[in-house]
């Protein structure tokens, strides 16, 4: 499992995790598409936006390996802002390739693409 050096481990000041420390010995947690409802709590929405911004800063429009990125956090974006690169995508593979769908991500999280975003 690749570790994305320099990627934030969590949203500062919260317990919202962005990365994992080591592979799960009981098996890989699959990435699944989770529905984001309009009544989600503001901290959850901030975590989604911060994670999207971290993905953009770290990877841009280039494909990236899932590696040590948290499956739960990826699942909130998967199938919309983050999509599989390959047709034979395995949601339980740490080496699976993903990419940001920039057009969708910019509509969902416009502030995540601003240079002065904090």
PDB file of N, CA and C in Angstrom:
ATOM      1  N   UNK A   1       0.849  -1.176   0.000  1.00  0.00           N
ATOM      2  CA  UNK A   1       0.000   0.000   0.000  1.00  0.00           C
ATOM      3  C   UNK A   1       0.895   1.240   0.000  1.00  0.00           C
ATOM      4  N   UNK A   2       0.684   2.082  -1.007  1.00  0.00           N
ATOM      5  CA  UNK A   2       1.452   3.322  -1.088  1.00  0.00           C
ATOM      6  C   UNK A   2       0.947   4.305  -0.031  1.00  0.00           C
ATOM      7  N   UNK A   3       1.890   4.992   0.597  1.00  0.00           N
ATOM      8  CA  UNK A   3       1.532   6.050   1.543  1.00  0.00           C
ATOM      9  C   UNK A   3       1.774   7.381   0.843  1.00  0.00           C
ATOM     10  N   UNK A   4       0.743   8.200   0.793  1.00  0.00           N
ATOM     11  CA  UNK A   4       0.829   9.488   0.121  1.00  0.00           C
ATOM     12  C   UNK A   4       1.473  10.496   1.069  1.00  0.00           C
ATOM     13  N   UNK A   5       2.777  10.631   0.951  1.00  0.00           N
ATOM     14  CA  UNK A   5       3.528  11.551   1.806  1.00  0.00           C
ATOM     15  C   UNK A   5       3.081  12.980   1.560  1.00  0.00           C
ATOM     16  N   UNK A   6       2.912  13.731   2.636  1.00  0.00           N
ATOM     17  CA  UNK A   6       2.506  15.119   2.526  1.00  0.00           C
ATOM     18  C   UNK A   6       1.003  15.320   2.501  1.00  0.00           C
ATOM     19  N   UNK A   7       0.243  14.235   2.385  1.00  0.00           N
ATOM     20  CA  UNK A   7      -1.217  14.354   2.384  1.00  0.00           C
ATOM     21  C   UNK A   7      -1.676  14.508   3.830  1.00  0.00           C
ATOM     22  N   UNK A   8      -2.584  15.435   4.130  1.00  0.00           N
ATOM     23  CA  UNK A   8      -3.016  15.613   5.520  1.00  0.00           C
ATOM     24  C   UNK A   8      -3.671  14.345   6.075  1.00  0.00           C
ATOM     25  N   UNK A   9      -3.359  14.009   7.309  1.00  0.00           N
ATOM     26  CA  UNK A   9      -3.908  12.812   7.939  1.00  0.00           C
ATOM     27  C   UNK A   9      -5.345  12.960   8.378  1.00  0.00           C
ATOM     28  N   UNK A  10      -5.740  14.193   8.669  1.00  0.00           N
ATOM     29  CA  UNK A  10      -7.108  14.456   9.120  1.00  0.00           C
ATOM     30  C   UNK A  10      -7.421  15.934   8.960  1.00  0.00           C
ATOM     31  N   UNK A  11      -8.698  16.264   9.153  1.00  0.00           N
ATOM     32  CA  UNK A  11      -9.100  17.671   9.146  1.00  0.00           C
ATOM     33  C   UNK A  11      -8.623  18.277  10.463  1.00  0.00           C
ATOM     34  N   UNK A  12      -7.806  19.320  10.414  1.00  0.00           N
ATOM     35  CA  UNK A  12      -7.266  19.896  11.650  1.00  0.00           C
ATOM     36  C   UNK A  12      -8.361  20.245  12.665  1.00  0.00           C
ATOM     37  N   UNK A  13      -8.102  19.878  13.916  1.00  0.00           N
ATOM     38  CA  UNK A  13      -9.020  20.186  15.010  1.00  0.00           C
ATOM     39  C   UNK A  13     -10.214  19.261  15.108  1.00  0.00           C
ATOM     40  N   UNK A  14     -10.236  18.191  14.311  1.00  0.00           N
ATOM     41  CA  UNK A  14     -11.369  17.258  14.328  1.00  0.00           C
ATOM     42  C   UNK A  14     -10.863  15.821  14.324  1.00  0.00           C
ATOM     43  N   UNK A  15     -11.792  14.900  14.393  1.00  0.00           N
ATOM     44  CA  UNK A  15     -11.470  13.481  14.265  1.00  0.00           C
ATOM     45  C   UNK A  15     -11.812  12.945  12.877  1.00  0.00           C
ATOM     46  N   UNK A  16     -12.033  13.820  11.901  1.00  0.00           N
ATOM     47  CA  UNK A  16     -12.331  13.382  10.548  1.00  0.00           C
ATOM     48  C   UNK A  16     -11.031  12.925   9.888  1.00  0.00           C
ATOM     49  N   UNK A  17     -10.899  11.634   9.701  1.00  0.00           N
ATOM     50  CA  UNK A  17      -9.682  11.007   9.197  1.00  0.00           C
ATOM     51  C   UNK A  17      -9.622  11.066   7.675  1.00  0.00           C
ATOM     52  N   UNK A  18      -8.447  11.380   7.128  1.00  0.00           N
ATOM     53  CA  UNK A  18      -8.224  11.412   5.686  1.00  0.00           C
ATOM     54  C   UNK A  18      -7.359  10.246   5.214  1.00  0.00           C
ATOM     55  N   UNK A  19      -6.466   9.761   6.070  1.00  0.00           N
ATOM     56  CA  UNK A  19      -5.580   8.664   5.696  1.00  0.00           C
ATOM     57  C   UNK A  19      -5.582   7.596   6.788  1.00  0.00           C
ATOM     58  N   UNK A  20      -5.080   6.415   6.418  1.00  0.00           N
ATOM     59  CA  UNK A  20      -4.919   5.343   7.393  1.00  0.00           C
ATOM     60  C   UNK A  20      -3.422   5.099   7.572  1.00  0.00           C
ATOM     61  N   UNK A  21      -3.052   4.559   8.713  1.00  0.00           N
ATOM     62  CA  UNK A  21      -1.636   4.343   9.004  1.00  0.00           C
ATOM     63  C   UNK A  21      -1.085   3.083   8.362  1.00  0.00           C
ATOM     64  N   UNK A  22      -1.899   2.021   8.365  1.00  0.00           N
ATOM     65  CA  UNK A  22      -1.423   0.744   7.824  1.00  0.00           C
ATOM     66  C   UNK A  22      -2.588  -0.021   7.216  1.00  0.00           C
ATOM     67  N   UNK A  23      -2.252  -1.001   6.405  1.00  0.00           N
ATOM     68  CA  UNK A  23      -3.269  -1.837   5.764  1.00  0.00           C
ATOM     69  C   UNK A  23      -4.043  -2.611   6.829  1.00  0.00           C
ATOM     70  N   UNK A  24      -5.304  -2.828   6.575  1.00  0.00           N
ATOM     71  CA  UNK A  24      -6.161  -3.572   7.496  1.00  0.00           C
ATOM     72  C   UNK A  24      -5.826  -5.058   7.386  1.00  0.00           C
ATOM     73  N   UNK A  25      -5.360  -5.685   8.474  1.00  0.00           N
ATOM     74  CA  UNK A  25      -4.999  -7.109   8.400  1.00  0.00           C
ATOM     75  C   UNK A  25      -6.211  -8.024   8.199  1.00  0.00           C
ATOM     76  N   UNK A  26      -7.408  -7.517   8.468  1.00  0.00           N
ATOM     77  CA  UNK A  26      -8.633  -8.325   8.309  1.00  0.00           C
ATOM     78  C   UNK A  26      -9.210  -8.214   6.906  1.00  0.00           C
ATOM     79  N   UNK A  27      -8.604  -7.405   6.079  1.00  0.00           N
ATOM     80  CA  UNK A  27      -9.093  -7.213   4.719  1.00  0.00           C
ATOM     81  C   UNK A  27      -9.280  -5.741   4.410  1.00  0.00           C
ATOM     82  N   UNK A  28      -9.236  -5.428   3.152  1.00  0.00           N
ATOM     83  CA  UNK A  28      -9.337  -4.043   2.706  1.00  0.00           C
ATOM     84  C   UNK A  28     -10.779  -3.559   2.817  1.00  0.00           C
ATOM     85  N   UNK A  29     -10.968  -2.371   3.379  1.00  0.00           N
ATOM     86  CA  UNK A  29     -12.297  -1.770   3.436  1.00  0.00           C
ATOM     87  C   UNK A  29     -12.656  -1.295   2.031  1.00  0.00           C
ATOM     88  N   UNK A  30     -13.783  -1.767   1.499  1.00  0.00           N
ATOM     89  CA  UNK A  30     -14.139  -1.374   0.125  1.00  0.00           C
ATOM     90  C   UNK A  30     -14.602   0.082   0.043  1.00  0.00           C
ATOM     91  N   UNK A  31     -14.374   0.674  -1.109  1.00  0.00           N
ATOM     92  CA  UNK A  31     -14.901   2.010  -1.402  1.00  0.00           C
ATOM     93  C   UNK A  31     -16.289   1.807  -1.989  1.00  0.00           C
ATOM     94  N   UNK A  32     -17.279   2.468  -1.429  1.00  0.00           N
ATOM     95  CA  UNK A  32     -18.644   2.392  -1.940  1.00  0.00           C
ATOM     96  C   UNK A  32     -19.182   3.815  -2.104  1.00  0.00           C
ATOM     97  N   UNK A  33     -20.165   3.965  -2.942  1.00  0.00           N
ATOM     98  CA  UNK A  33     -20.765   5.291  -3.120  1.00  0.00           C
ATOM     99  C   UNK A  33     -21.744   5.552  -1.982  1.00  0.00           C
ATOM    100  N   UNK A  34     -21.503   6.622  -1.231  1.00  0.00           N
ATOM    101  CA  UNK A  34     -22.399   7.022  -0.144  1.00  0.00           C
ATOM    102  C   UNK A  34     -23.176   8.252  -0.586  1.00  0.00           C
ATOM    103  N   UNK A  35     -24.447   8.254  -0.280  1.00  0.00           N
ATOM    104  CA  UNK A  35     -25.288   9.404  -0.637  1.00  0.00           C
ATOM    105  C   UNK A  35     -25.074  10.544   0.345  1.00  0.00           C
ATOM    106  N   UNK A  36     -24.898  11.740  -0.186  1.00  0.00           N
ATOM    107  CA  UNK A  36     -24.792  12.939   0.643  1.00  0.00           C
ATOM    108  C   UNK A  36     -26.132  13.658   0.595  1.00  0.00           C
ATOM    109  N   UNK A  37     -26.842  13.632   1.707  1.00  0.00           N
ATOM    110  CA  UNK A  37     -28.142  14.277   1.765  1.00  0.00           C
ATOM    111  C   UNK A  37     -27.977  15.747   2.156  1.00  0.00           C
ATOM    112  N   UNK A  38     -28.958  16.559   1.783  1.00  0.00           N
ATOM    113  CA  UNK A  38     -28.893  17.994   2.026  1.00  0.00           C
ATOM    114  C   UNK A  38     -28.846  18.354   3.509  1.00  0.00           C
ATOM    115  N   UNK A  39     -29.312  17.458   4.372  1.00  0.00           N
ATOM    116  CA  UNK A  39     -29.353  17.759   5.802  1.00  0.00           C
ATOM    117  C   UNK A  39     -28.102  17.288   6.559  1.00  0.00           C
ATOM    118  N   UNK A  40     -27.016  17.014   5.828  1.00  0.00           N
ATOM    119  CA  UNK A  40     -25.762  16.626   6.499  1.00  0.00           C
ATOM    120  C   UNK A  40     -25.277  17.755   7.389  1.00  0.00           C
ATOM    121  N   UNK A  41     -24.651  17.374   8.480  1.00  0.00           N
ATOM    122  CA  UNK A  41     -24.153  18.357   9.433  1.00  0.00           C
ATOM    123  C   UNK A  41     -23.045  19.211   8.800  1.00  0.00           C
ATOM    124  N   UNK A  42     -22.969  20.486   9.186  1.00  0.00           N
ATOM    125  CA  UNK A  42     -21.924  21.364   8.651  1.00  0.00           C
ATOM    126  C   UNK A  42     -20.498  20.810   8.837  1.00  0.00           C
ATOM    127  N   UNK A  43     -20.160  20.199   9.988  1.00  0.00           N
ATOM    128  CA  UNK A  43     -18.796  19.642  10.098  1.00  0.00           C
ATOM    129  C   UNK A  43     -18.518  18.543   9.059  1.00  0.00           C
ATOM    130  N   UNK A  44     -19.515  17.734   8.741  1.00  0.00           N
ATOM    131  CA  UNK A  44     -19.340  16.696   7.724  1.00  0.00           C
ATOM    132  C   UNK A  44     -19.106  17.322   6.353  1.00  0.00           C
ATOM    133  N   UNK A  45     -19.844  18.377   6.057  1.00  0.00           N
ATOM    134  CA  UNK A  45     -19.666  19.064   4.776  1.00  0.00           C
ATOM    135  C   UNK A  45     -18.297  19.737   4.690  1.00  0.00           C
ATOM    136  N   UNK A  46     -17.829  20.309   5.815  1.00  0.00           N
ATOM    137  CA  UNK A  46     -16.489  20.907   5.832  1.00  0.00           C
ATOM    138  C   UNK A  46     -15.413  19.853   5.604  1.00  0.00           C
ATOM    139  N   UNK A  47     -15.601  18.677   6.200  1.00  0.00           N
ATOM    140  CA  UNK A  47     -14.635  17.590   6.021  1.00  0.00           C
ATOM    141  C   UNK A  47     -14.592  17.150   4.560  1.00  0.00           C
ATOM    142  N   UNK A  48     -15.752  17.039   3.917  1.00  0.00           N
ATOM    143  CA  UNK A  48     -15.796  16.679   2.497  1.00  0.00           C
ATOM    144  C   UNK A  48     -15.052  17.710   1.651  1.00  0.00           C
ATOM    145  N   UNK A  49     -15.308  18.987   1.920  1.00  0.00           N
ATOM    146  CA  UNK A  49     -14.672  20.056   1.146  1.00  0.00           C
ATOM    147  C   UNK A  49     -13.158  20.078   1.379  1.00  0.00           C
ATOM    148  N   UNK A  50     -12.742  19.898   2.625  1.00  0.00           N
ATOM    149  CA  UNK A  50     -11.308  19.900   2.930  1.00  0.00           C
ATOM    150  C   UNK A  50     -10.612  18.702   2.295  1.00  0.00           C
ATOM    151  N   UNK A  51     -11.269  17.553   2.291  1.00  0.00           N
ATOM    152  CA  UNK A  51     -10.689  16.365   1.672  1.00  0.00           C
ATOM    153  C   UNK A  51     -10.578  16.565   0.160  1.00  0.00           C
ATOM    154  N   UNK A  52     -11.616  17.133  -0.437  1.00  0.00           N
ATOM    155  CA  UNK A  52     -11.586  17.399  -1.877  1.00  0.00           C
ATOM    156  C   UNK A  52     -10.447  18.369  -2.203  1.00  0.00           C
ATOM    157  N   UNK A  53     -10.281  19.407  -1.382  1.00  0.00           N
ATOM    158  CA  UNK A  53      -9.216  20.375  -1.608  1.00  0.00           C
ATOM    159  C   UNK A  53      -7.855  19.712  -1.464  1.00  0.00           C
ATOM    160  N   UNK A  54      -7.690  18.828  -0.474  1.00  0.00           N
ATOM    161  CA  UNK A  54      -6.422  18.117  -0.284  1.00  0.00           C
ATOM    162  C   UNK A  54      -6.126  17.205  -1.478  1.00  0.00           C
ATOM    163  N   UNK A  55      -7.153  16.530  -1.992  1.00  0.00           N
ATOM    164  CA  UNK A  55      -6.971  15.691  -3.175  1.00  0.00           C
ATOM    165  C   UNK A  55      -6.517  16.537  -4.359  1.00  0.00           C
ATOM    166  N   UNK A  56      -7.148  17.688  -4.562  1.00  0.00           N
ATOM    167  CA  UNK A  56      -6.815  18.542  -5.695  1.00  0.00           C
ATOM    168  C   UNK A  56      -5.390  19.078  -5.575  1.00  0.00           C
ATOM    169  N   UNK A  57      -5.021  19.543  -4.390  1.00  0.00           N
ATOM    170  CA  UNK A  57      -3.680  20.089  -4.189  1.00  0.00           C
ATOM    171  C   UNK A  57      -2.629  18.995  -4.393  1.00  0.00           C
ATOM    172  N   UNK A  58      -2.914  17.803  -3.909  1.00  0.00           N
ATOM    173  CA  UNK A  58      -1.935  16.718  -3.954  1.00  0.00           C
ATOM    174  C   UNK A  58      -1.842  16.049  -5.332  1.00  0.00           C
ATOM    175  N   UNK A  59      -3.000  15.841  -5.997  1.00  0.00           N
ATOM    176  CA  UNK A  59      -3.014  15.062  -7.240  1.00  0.00           C
ATOM    177  C   UNK A  59      -3.433  15.851  -8.473  1.00  0.00           C
ATOM    178  N   UNK A  60      -4.178  16.929  -8.308  1.00  0.00           N
ATOM    179  CA  UNK A  60      -4.669  17.688  -9.454  1.00  0.00           C
ATOM    180  C   UNK A  60      -5.564  16.826 -10.333  1.00  0.00           C
ATOM    181  N   UNK A  61      -5.395  16.948 -11.631  1.00  0.00           N
ATOM    182  CA  UNK A  61      -6.240  16.190 -12.562  1.00  0.00           C
ATOM    183  C   UNK A  61      -5.616  14.859 -12.970  1.00  0.00           C
ATOM    184  N   UNK A  62      -4.557  14.450 -12.291  1.00  0.00           N
ATOM    185  CA  UNK A  62      -3.849  13.209 -12.626  1.00  0.00           C
ATOM    186  C   UNK A  62      -4.421  12.006 -11.869  1.00  0.00           C
ATOM    187  N   UNK A  63      -4.407  10.827 -12.467  1.00  0.00           N
ATOM    188  CA  UNK A  63      -4.845   9.620 -11.762  1.00  0.00           C
ATOM    189  C   UNK A  63      -3.945   9.364 -10.549  1.00  0.00           C
ATOM    190  N   UNK A  64      -4.542   8.801  -9.511  1.00  0.00           N
ATOM    191  CA  UNK A  64      -3.784   8.499  -8.299  1.00  0.00           C
ATOM    192  C   UNK A  64      -4.218   7.153  -7.744  1.00  0.00           C
ATOM    193  N   UNK A  65      -3.291   6.529  -7.033  1.00  0.00           N
ATOM    194  CA  UNK A  65      -3.547   5.256  -6.401  1.00  0.00           C
ATOM    195  C   UNK A  65      -4.279   5.479  -5.076  1.00  0.00           C
ATOM    196  N   UNK A  66      -5.222   4.613  -4.770  1.00  0.00           N
ATOM    197  CA  UNK A  66      -5.961   4.732  -3.518  1.00  0.00           C
ATOM    198  C   UNK A  66      -5.015   4.732  -2.326  1.00  0.00           C
ATOM    199  N   UNK A  67      -4.104   3.799  -2.271  1.00  0.00           N
ATOM    200  CA  UNK A  67      -3.094   3.749  -1.224  1.00  0.00           C
ATOM    201  C   UNK A  67      -3.669   3.867   0.174  1.00  0.00           C
ATOM    202  N   UNK A  68      -3.111   4.790   0.960  1.00  0.00           N
ATOM    203  CA  UNK A  68      -3.529   4.932   2.353  1.00  0.00           C
ATOM    204  C   UNK A  68      -4.648   5.952   2.552  1.00  0.00           C
ATOM    205  N   UNK A  69      -5.323   6.354   1.485  1.00  0.00           N
ATOM    206  CA  UNK A  69      -6.463   7.264   1.632  1.00  0.00           C
ATOM    207  C   UNK A  69      -7.624   6.510   2.285  1.00  0.00           C
ATOM    208  N   UNK A  70      -8.290   7.158   3.224  1.00  0.00           N
ATOM    209  CA  UNK A  70      -9.357   6.522   3.990  1.00  0.00           C
ATOM    210  C   UNK A  70     -10.550   6.170   3.097  1.00  0.00           C
ATOM    211  N   UNK A  71     -10.962   4.899   3.138  1.00  0.00           N
ATOM    212  CA  UNK A  71     -12.071   4.423   2.302  1.00  0.00           C
ATOM    213  C   UNK A  71     -13.378   5.116   2.663  1.00  0.00           C
ATOM    214  N   UNK A  72     -13.601   5.348   3.933  1.00  0.00           N
ATOM    215  CA  UNK A  72     -14.830   6.024   4.348  1.00  0.00           C
ATOM    216  C   UNK A  72     -14.922   7.425   3.790  1.00  0.00           C
ATOM    217  N   UNK A  73     -13.845   8.177   3.877  1.00  0.00           N
ATOM    218  CA  UNK A  73     -13.838   9.552   3.370  1.00  0.00           C
ATOM    219  C   UNK A  73     -13.941   9.547   1.851  1.00  0.00           C
ATOM    220  N   UNK A  74     -13.232   8.635   1.170  1.00  0.00           N
ATOM    221  CA  UNK A  74     -13.331   8.537  -0.294  1.00  0.00           C
ATOM    222  C   UNK A  74     -14.749   8.187  -0.719  1.00  0.00           C
ATOM    223  N   UNK A  75     -15.431   7.367   0.067  1.00  0.00           N
ATOM    224  CA  UNK A  75     -16.769   6.911  -0.294  1.00  0.00           C
ATOM    225  C   UNK A  75     -17.774   8.057  -0.387  1.00  0.00           C
ATOM    226  N   UNK A  76     -17.550   9.132   0.370  1.00  0.00           N
ATOM    227  CA  UNK A  76     -18.464  10.278   0.293  1.00  0.00           C
ATOM    228  C   UNK A  76     -18.334  11.006  -1.040  1.00  0.00           C
ATOM    229  N   UNK A  77     -17.201  10.830  -1.732  1.00  0.00           N
ATOM    230  CA  UNK A  77     -16.969  11.505  -3.016  1.00  0.00           C
ATOM    231  C   UNK A  77     -17.028  10.553  -4.201  1.00  0.00           C
ATOM    232  N   UNK A  78     -16.909   9.257  -3.938  1.00  0.00           N
ATOM    233  CA  UNK A  78     -16.787   8.261  -5.003  1.00  0.00           C
ATOM    234  C   UNK A  78     -18.044   8.191  -5.874  1.00  0.00           C
ATOM    235  N   UNK A  79     -17.818   8.094  -7.172  1.00  0.00           N
ATOM    236  CA  UNK A  79     -18.919   7.991  -8.126  1.00  0.00           C
ATOM    237  C   UNK A  79     -19.441   9.340  -8.577  1.00  0.00           C
ATOM    238  N   UNK A  80     -18.940  10.407  -7.971  1.00  0.00           N
ATOM    239  CA  UNK A  80     -19.312  11.763  -8.368  1.00  0.00           C
ATOM    240  C   UNK A  80     -18.039  12.558  -8.646  1.00  0.00           C
ATOM    241  N   UNK A  81     -17.438  13.092  -7.574  1.00  0.00           N
ATOM    242  CA  UNK A  81     -16.239  13.917  -7.735  1.00  0.00           C
ATOM    243  C   UNK A  81     -14.972  13.086  -7.946  1.00  0.00           C
ATOM    244  N   UNK A  82     -14.947  11.894  -7.421  1.00  0.00           N
ATOM    245  CA  UNK A  82     -13.815  10.982  -7.596  1.00  0.00           C
ATOM    246  C   UNK A  82     -14.345   9.725  -8.276  1.00  0.00           C
ATOM    247  N   UNK A  83     -13.733   9.361  -9.391  1.00  0.00           N
ATOM    248  CA  UNK A  83     -14.200   8.208 -10.164  1.00  0.00           C
ATOM    249  C   UNK A  83     -13.043   7.244 -10.437  1.00  0.00           C
ATOM    250  N   UNK A  84     -13.416   6.019 -10.760  1.00  0.00           N
ATOM    251  CA  UNK A  84     -12.421   4.998 -11.096  1.00  0.00           C
ATOM    252  C   UNK A  84     -11.832   5.288 -12.469  1.00  0.00           C
ATOM    253  N   UNK A  85     -10.550   5.004 -12.623  1.00  0.00           N
ATOM    254  CA  UNK A  85      -9.875   5.198 -13.900  1.00  0.00           C
ATOM    255  C   UNK A  85     -10.151   4.015 -14.821  1.00  0.00           C
ATOM    256  N   UNK A  86     -10.117   2.819 -14.260  1.00  0.00           N
ATOM    257  CA  UNK A  86     -10.251   1.603 -15.056  1.00  0.00           C
ATOM    258  C   UNK A  86     -11.651   1.012 -14.943  1.00  0.00           C
ATOM    259  N   UNK A  87     -12.096   0.349 -16.013  1.00  0.00           N
ATOM    260  CA  UNK A  87     -13.416  -0.277 -16.008  1.00  0.00           C
ATOM    261  C   UNK A  87     -13.488  -1.443 -15.037  1.00  0.00           C
ATOM    262  N   UNK A  88     -12.388  -2.156 -14.871  1.00  0.00           N
ATOM    263  CA  UNK A  88     -12.382  -3.309 -13.966  1.00  0.00           C
ATOM    264  C   UNK A  88     -11.949  -2.901 -12.555  1.00  0.00           C
ATOM    265  N   UNK A  89     -12.461  -1.771 -12.088  1.00  0.00           N
ATOM    266  CA  UNK A  89     -12.135  -1.218 -10.778  1.00  0.00           C
ATOM    267  C   UNK A  89     -12.472  -2.210  -9.667  1.00  0.00           C
ATOM    268  N   UNK A  90     -11.516  -2.423  -8.765  1.00  0.00           N
ATOM    269  CA  UNK A  90     -11.723  -3.277  -7.597  1.00  0.00           C
ATOM    270  C   UNK A  90     -11.795  -2.369  -6.371  1.00  0.00           C
ATOM    271  N   UNK A  91     -12.978  -2.238  -5.747  1.00  0.00           N
ATOM    272  CA  UNK A  91     -13.123  -1.336  -4.601  1.00  0.00           C
ATOM    273  C   UNK A  91     -12.359  -1.794  -3.361  1.00  0.00           C
ATOM    274  N   UNK A  92     -11.792  -3.001  -3.405  1.00  0.00           N
ATOM    275  CA  UNK A  92     -11.034  -3.519  -2.265  1.00  0.00           C
ATOM    276  C   UNK A  92      -9.544  -3.642  -2.585  1.00  0.00           C
ATOM    277  N   UNK A  93      -9.036  -2.797  -3.476  1.00  0.00           N
ATOM    278  CA  UNK A  93      -7.638  -2.859  -3.873  1.00  0.00           C
ATOM    279  C   UNK A  93      -6.943  -1.548  -3.518  1.00  0.00           C
ATOM    280  N   UNK A  94      -5.906  -1.634  -2.700  1.00  0.00           N
ATOM    281  CA  UNK A  94      -5.145  -0.436  -2.341  1.00  0.00           C
ATOM    282  C   UNK A  94      -4.440   0.172  -3.552  1.00  0.00           C
ATOM    283  N   UNK A  95      -4.253  -0.597  -4.612  1.00  0.00           N
ATOM    284  CA  UNK A  95      -3.580  -0.106  -5.810  1.00  0.00           C
ATOM    285  C   UNK A  95      -4.556   0.392  -6.881  1.00  0.00           C
ATOM    286  N   UNK A  96      -5.850   0.408  -6.579  1.00  0.00           N
ATOM    287  CA  UNK A  96      -6.855   0.877  -7.537  1.00  0.00           C
ATOM    288  C   UNK A  96      -6.582   2.339  -7.896  1.00  0.00           C
ATOM    289  N   UNK A  97      -6.766   2.660  -9.177  1.00  0.00           N
ATOM    290  CA  UNK A  97      -6.525   4.017  -9.651  1.00  0.00           C
ATOM    291  C   UNK A  97      -7.815   4.821  -9.671  1.00  0.00           C
ATOM    292  N   UNK A  98      -7.726   6.038  -9.164  1.00  0.00           N
ATOM    293  CA  UNK A  98      -8.854   6.966  -9.116  1.00  0.00           C
ATOM    294  C   UNK A  98      -8.418   8.274  -9.762  1.00  0.00           C
ATOM    295  N   UNK A  99      -9.390   9.105 -10.085  1.00  0.00           N
ATOM    296  CA  UNK A  99      -9.099  10.426 -10.643  1.00  0.00           C
ATOM    297  C   UNK A  99     -10.235  11.363 -10.241  1.00  0.00           C
ATOM    298  N   UNK A 100      -9.912  12.631 -10.111  1.00  0.00           N
ATOM    299  CA  UNK A 100     -10.932  13.642  -9.793  1.00  0.00           C
ATOM    300  C   UNK A 100     -11.649  14.017 -11.077  1.00  0.00           C
ATOM    301  N   UNK A 101     -12.975  13.972 -11.052  1.00  0.00           N
ATOM    302  CA  UNK A 101     -13.777  14.491 -12.166  1.00  0.00           C
ATOM    303  C   UNK A 101     -13.896  15.986 -11.906  1.00  0.00           C
ATOM    304  N   UNK A 102     -12.986  16.734 -12.499  1.00  0.00           N
ATOM    305  CA  UNK A 102     -12.853  18.154 -12.183  1.00  0.00           C
ATOM    306  C   UNK A 102     -14.138  18.945 -12.405  1.00  0.00           C
ATOM    307  N   UNK A 103     -14.847  18.685 -13.477  1.00  0.00           N
ATOM    308  CA  UNK A 103     -16.070  19.438 -13.761  1.00  0.00           C
ATOM    309  C   UNK A 103     -17.106  19.242 -12.656  1.00  0.00           C
ATOM    310  N   UNK A 104     -17.295  18.019 -12.234  1.00  0.00           N
ATOM    311  CA  UNK A 104     -18.266  17.726 -11.169  1.00  0.00           C
ATOM    312  C   UNK A 104     -17.775  18.288  -9.837  1.00  0.00           C
ATOM    313  N   UNK A 105     -16.491  18.109  -9.543  1.00  0.00           N
ATOM    314  CA  UNK A 105     -15.929  18.567  -8.279  1.00  0.00           C
ATOM    315  C   UNK A 105     -16.009  20.083  -8.135  1.00  0.00           C
ATOM    316  N   UNK A 106     -15.771  20.803  -9.232  1.00  0.00           N
ATOM    317  CA  UNK A 106     -15.847  22.270  -9.168  1.00  0.00           C
ATOM    318  C   UNK A 106     -17.266  22.759  -8.898  1.00  0.00           C
ATOM    319  N   UNK A 107     -18.264  22.026  -9.349  1.00  0.00           N
ATOM    320  CA  UNK A 107     -19.654  22.404  -9.064  1.00  0.00           C
ATOM    321  C   UNK A 107     -19.987  22.077  -7.609  1.00  0.00           C
ATOM    322  N   UNK A 108     -19.563  20.914  -7.134  1.00  0.00           N
ATOM    323  CA  UNK A 108     -19.881  20.482  -5.773  1.00  0.00           C
ATOM    324  C   UNK A 108     -19.100  21.242  -4.703  1.00  0.00           C
ATOM    325  N   UNK A 109     -17.836  21.511  -4.977  1.00  0.00           N
ATOM    326  CA  UNK A 109     -16.957  22.141  -3.994  1.00  0.00           C
ATOM    327  C   UNK A 109     -16.154  23.278  -4.631  1.00  0.00           C
ATOM    328  N   UNK A 110     -16.829  24.361  -5.048  1.00  0.00           N
ATOM    329  CA  UNK A 110     -16.102  25.435  -5.754  1.00  0.00           C
ATOM    330  C   UNK A 110     -14.996  26.061  -4.902  1.00  0.00           C
ATOM    331  N   UNK A 111     -15.192  26.169  -3.602  1.00  0.00           N
ATOM    332  CA  UNK A 111     -14.179  26.782  -2.741  1.00  0.00           C
ATOM    333  C   UNK A 111     -12.917  25.937  -2.633  1.00  0.00           C
ATOM    334  N   UNK A 112     -13.013  24.652  -2.876  1.00  0.00           N
ATOM    335  CA  UNK A 112     -11.853  23.758  -2.758  1.00  0.00           C
ATOM    336  C   UNK A 112     -10.810  24.033  -3.846  1.00  0.00           C
ATOM    337  N   UNK A 113     -11.181  24.779  -4.876  1.00  0.00           N
ATOM    338  CA  UNK A 113     -10.277  25.026  -5.990  1.00  0.00           C
ATOM    339  C   UNK A 113      -9.694  26.444  -5.960  1.00  0.00           C
ATOM    340  N   UNK A 114     -10.011  27.203  -4.917  1.00  0.00           N
ATOM    341  CA  UNK A 114      -9.478  28.543  -4.784  1.00  0.00           C
ATOM    342  C   UNK A 114      -8.119  28.478  -4.107  1.00  0.00           C
ATOM    343  N   UNK A 115      -7.191  29.321  -4.539  1.00  0.00           N
ATOM    344  CA  UNK A 115      -5.843  29.320  -3.993  1.00  0.00           C
ATOM    345  C   UNK A 115      -5.796  29.750  -2.525  1.00  0.00           C
ATOM    346  N   UNK A 116      -6.679  30.614  -2.132  1.00  0.00           N
ATOM    347  CA  UNK A 116      -6.636  31.134  -0.758  1.00  0.00           C
ATOM    348  C   UNK A 116      -7.582  30.382   0.183  1.00  0.00           C
ATOM    349  N   UNK A 117      -7.979  29.192  -0.195  1.00  0.00           N
ATOM    350  CA  UNK A 117      -8.900  28.389   0.624  1.00  0.00           C
ATOM    351  C   UNK A 117      -8.215  27.980   1.908  1.00  0.00           C
ATOM    352  N   UNK A 118      -8.916  28.101   3.008  1.00  0.00           N
ATOM    353  CA  UNK A 118      -8.307  27.725   4.302  1.00  0.00           C
ATOM    354  C   UNK A 118      -9.131  26.708   5.022  1.00  0.00           C
TER     355      UNK A 118
END
